[in-house]
Amino acid sequence: AFVTVFAAFVTAFIMLTGLLFIQYVKELVVLLYSAIYEEHC
């Protein structure tokens, strides 16, 4: 019983950190893109 609860917790944690990581990468890409765009124009 404990193993299933632990597995569910780990899965939720991985999903949560994954979403946060995706959002972080998106913001990073936007910052890089805007910086490059400003340099070229």
PDB file of N, CA and C in Angstrom:
ATOM      1  N   ALA A   1       0.849  -1.204   0.000  1.00  0.00           N
ATOM      2  CA  ALA A   1       0.000   0.000   0.000  1.00  0.00           C
ATOM      3  C   ALA A   1       0.884   1.254   0.000  1.00  0.00           C
ATOM      4  N   PHE A   2       1.936   1.205   0.811  1.00  0.00           N
ATOM      5  CA  PHE A   2       2.832   2.361   0.908  1.00  0.00           C
ATOM      6  C   PHE A   2       3.555   2.618  -0.411  1.00  0.00           C
ATOM      7  N   VAL A   3       3.893   1.544  -1.108  1.00  0.00           N
ATOM      8  CA  VAL A   3       4.629   1.686  -2.369  1.00  0.00           C
ATOM      9  C   VAL A   3       3.786   2.410  -3.414  1.00  0.00           C
ATOM     10  N   THR A   4       2.511   2.085  -3.492  1.00  0.00           N
ATOM     11  CA  THR A   4       1.634   2.722  -4.486  1.00  0.00           C
ATOM     12  C   THR A   4       1.468   4.206  -4.174  1.00  0.00           C
ATOM     13  N   VAL A   5       1.330   4.532  -2.897  1.00  0.00           N
ATOM     14  CA  VAL A   5       1.199   5.940  -2.496  1.00  0.00           C
ATOM     15  C   VAL A   5       2.480   6.691  -2.850  1.00  0.00           C
ATOM     16  N   PHE A   6       3.620   6.070  -2.569  1.00  0.00           N
ATOM     17  CA  PHE A   6       4.912   6.689  -2.864  1.00  0.00           C
ATOM     18  C   PHE A   6       5.072   6.886  -4.370  1.00  0.00           C
ATOM     19  N   ALA A   7       4.676   5.879  -5.150  1.00  0.00           N
ATOM     20  CA  ALA A   7       4.783   5.967  -6.607  1.00  0.00           C
ATOM     21  C   ALA A   7       3.899   7.094  -7.142  1.00  0.00           C
ATOM     22  N   ALA A   8       2.688   7.202  -6.592  1.00  0.00           N
ATOM     23  CA  ALA A   8       1.773   8.262  -7.026  1.00  0.00           C
ATOM     24  C   ALA A   8       2.355   9.635  -6.689  1.00  0.00           C
ATOM     25  N   PHE A   9       2.951   9.748  -5.498  1.00  0.00           N
ATOM     26  CA  PHE A   9       3.552  11.010  -5.070  1.00  0.00           C
ATOM     27  C   PHE A   9       4.711  11.404  -5.977  1.00  0.00           C
ATOM     28  N   VAL A  10       5.555  10.424  -6.288  1.00  0.00           N
ATOM     29  CA  VAL A  10       6.707  10.673  -7.167  1.00  0.00           C
ATOM     30  C   VAL A  10       6.240  11.091  -8.560  1.00  0.00           C
ATOM     31  N   THR A  11       5.201  10.409  -9.063  1.00  0.00           N
ATOM     32  CA  THR A  11       4.668  10.736 -10.387  1.00  0.00           C
ATOM     33  C   THR A  11       4.137  12.166 -10.418  1.00  0.00           C
ATOM     34  N   ALA A  12       3.380  12.536  -9.371  1.00  0.00           N
ATOM     35  CA  ALA A  12       2.827  13.895  -9.295  1.00  0.00           C
ATOM     36  C   ALA A  12       3.956  14.921  -9.212  1.00  0.00           C
ATOM     37  N   PHE A  13       4.994  14.596  -8.432  1.00  0.00           N
ATOM     38  CA  PHE A  13       6.123  15.511  -8.267  1.00  0.00           C
ATOM     39  C   PHE A  13       6.845  15.716  -9.594  1.00  0.00           C
ATOM     40  N   ILE A  14       7.056  14.616 -10.333  1.00  0.00           N
ATOM     41  CA  ILE A  14       7.742  14.694 -11.633  1.00  0.00           C
ATOM     42  C   ILE A  14       6.913  15.516 -12.620  1.00  0.00           C
ATOM     43  N   MET A  15       5.590  15.297 -12.617  1.00  0.00           N
ATOM     44  CA  MET A  15       4.711  16.046 -13.519  1.00  0.00           C
ATOM     45  C   MET A  15       4.761  17.534 -13.193  1.00  0.00           C
ATOM     46  N   LEU A  16       4.741  17.860 -11.887  1.00  0.00           N
ATOM     47  CA  LEU A  16       4.746  19.250 -11.443  1.00  0.00           C
ATOM     48  C   LEU A  16       6.048  19.929 -11.844  1.00  0.00           C
ATOM     49  N   THR A  17       7.184  19.283 -11.547  1.00  0.00           N
ATOM     50  CA  THR A  17       8.482  19.871 -11.888  1.00  0.00           C
ATOM     51  C   THR A  17       8.637  19.959 -13.404  1.00  0.00           C
ATOM     52  N   GLY A  18       8.075  18.996 -14.123  1.00  0.00           N
ATOM     53  CA  GLY A  18       8.140  19.020 -15.582  1.00  0.00           C
ATOM     54  C   GLY A  18       7.420  20.236 -16.141  1.00  0.00           C
ATOM     55  N   LEU A  19       6.226  20.514 -15.596  1.00  0.00           N
ATOM     56  CA  LEU A  19       5.468  21.672 -16.054  1.00  0.00           C
ATOM     57  C   LEU A  19       6.219  22.966 -15.738  1.00  0.00           C
ATOM     58  N   LEU A  20       6.781  23.047 -14.527  1.00  0.00           N
ATOM     59  CA  LEU A  20       7.539  24.236 -14.149  1.00  0.00           C
ATOM     60  C   LEU A  20       8.753  24.406 -15.058  1.00  0.00           C
ATOM     61  N   PHE A  21       9.414  23.279 -15.358  1.00  0.00           N
ATOM     62  CA  PHE A  21      10.595  23.321 -16.219  1.00  0.00           C
ATOM     63  C   PHE A  21      10.231  23.796 -17.621  1.00  0.00           C
ATOM     64  N   ILE A  22       9.078  23.321 -18.138  1.00  0.00           N
ATOM     65  CA  ILE A  22       8.626  23.719 -19.476  1.00  0.00           C
ATOM     66  C   ILE A  22       8.351  25.229 -19.499  1.00  0.00           C
ATOM     67  N   GLN A  23       7.683  25.729 -18.451  1.00  0.00           N
ATOM     68  CA  GLN A  23       7.395  27.158 -18.392  1.00  0.00           C
ATOM     69  C   GLN A  23       8.690  27.965 -18.340  1.00  0.00           C
ATOM     70  N   TYR A  24       9.673  27.461 -17.567  1.00  0.00           N
ATOM     71  CA  TYR A  24      10.967  28.144 -17.432  1.00  0.00           C
ATOM     72  C   TYR A  24      11.684  28.192 -18.777  1.00  0.00           C
ATOM     73  N   VAL A  25      11.664  27.067 -19.491  1.00  0.00           N
ATOM     74  CA  VAL A  25      12.319  27.001 -20.802  1.00  0.00           C
ATOM     75  C   VAL A  25      11.631  27.950 -21.783  1.00  0.00           C
ATOM     76  N   LYS A  26      10.289  28.011 -21.732  1.00  0.00           N
ATOM     77  CA  LYS A  26       9.546  28.905 -22.620  1.00  0.00           C
ATOM     78  C   LYS A  26       9.977  30.349 -22.394  1.00  0.00           C
ATOM     79  N   GLU A  27      10.041  30.773 -21.115  1.00  0.00           N
ATOM     80  CA  GLU A  27      10.435  32.140 -20.815  1.00  0.00           C
ATOM     81  C   GLU A  27      11.864  32.408 -21.257  1.00  0.00           C
ATOM     82  N   LEU A  28      12.731  31.405 -21.076  1.00  0.00           N
ATOM     83  CA  LEU A  28      14.131  31.542 -21.476  1.00  0.00           C
ATOM     84  C   LEU A  28      14.230  31.732 -22.992  1.00  0.00           C
ATOM     85  N   VAL A  29      13.471  30.940 -23.747  1.00  0.00           N
ATOM     86  CA  VAL A  29      13.482  31.035 -25.212  1.00  0.00           C
ATOM     87  C   VAL A  29      12.967  32.405 -25.654  1.00  0.00           C
ATOM     88  N   VAL A  30      11.912  32.876 -25.004  1.00  0.00           N
ATOM     89  CA  VAL A  30      11.351  34.186 -25.357  1.00  0.00           C
ATOM     90  C   VAL A  30      12.380  35.286 -25.101  1.00  0.00           C
ATOM     91  N   LEU A  31      13.087  35.189 -23.968  1.00  0.00           N
ATOM     92  CA  LEU A  31      14.108  36.201 -23.654  1.00  0.00           C
ATOM     93  C   LEU A  31      15.234  36.173 -24.681  1.00  0.00           C
ATOM     94  N   LEU A  32      15.702  34.970 -25.016  1.00  0.00           N
ATOM     95  CA  LEU A  32      16.776  34.840 -26.000  1.00  0.00           C
ATOM     96  C   LEU A  32      16.327  35.372 -27.358  1.00  0.00           C
ATOM     97  N   TYR A  33      15.105  35.005 -27.762  1.00  0.00           N
ATOM     98  CA  TYR A  33      14.585  35.424 -29.059  1.00  0.00           C
ATOM     99  C   TYR A  33      14.464  36.946 -29.137  1.00  0.00           C
ATOM    100  N   SER A  34      13.944  37.559 -28.059  1.00  0.00           N
ATOM    101  CA  SER A  34      13.782  39.018 -28.062  1.00  0.00           C
ATOM    102  C   SER A  34      15.146  39.706 -28.084  1.00  0.00           C
ATOM    103  N   ALA A  35      16.128  39.136 -27.382  1.00  0.00           N
ATOM    104  CA  ALA A  35      17.471  39.724 -27.364  1.00  0.00           C
ATOM    105  C   ALA A  35      18.102  39.660 -28.751  1.00  0.00           C
ATOM    106  N   ILE A  36      17.991  38.511 -29.408  1.00  0.00           N
ATOM    107  CA  ILE A  36      18.549  38.351 -30.758  1.00  0.00           C
ATOM    108  C   ILE A  36      17.817  39.273 -31.733  1.00  0.00           C
ATOM    109  N   TYR A  37      16.481  39.336 -31.604  1.00  0.00           N
ATOM    110  CA  TYR A  37      15.678  40.162 -32.498  1.00  0.00           C
ATOM    111  C   TYR A  37      16.069  41.634 -32.364  1.00  0.00           C
ATOM    112  N   GLU A  38      16.280  42.097 -31.128  1.00  0.00           N
ATOM    113  CA  GLU A  38      16.654  43.495 -30.908  1.00  0.00           C
ATOM    114  C   GLU A  38      18.041  43.784 -31.466  1.00  0.00           C
ATOM    115  N   GLU A  39      18.937  42.807 -31.367  1.00  0.00           N
ATOM    116  CA  GLU A  39      20.298  43.005 -31.890  1.00  0.00           C
ATOM    117  C   GLU A  39      20.294  43.129 -33.409  1.00  0.00           C
ATOM    118  N   HIS A  40      19.467  42.335 -34.085  1.00  0.00           N
ATOM    119  CA  HIS A  40      19.467  42.315 -35.549  1.00  0.00           C
ATOM    120  C   HIS A  40      18.739  43.512 -36.141  1.00  0.00           C
ATOM    121  N   CYS A  41      17.786  44.100 -35.379  1.00  0.00           N
ATOM    122  CA  CYS A  41      17.012  45.206 -35.930  1.00  0.00           C
ATOM    123  C   CYS A  41      17.551  46.571 -35.511  1.00  0.00           C
TER     124      CYS A  41
END
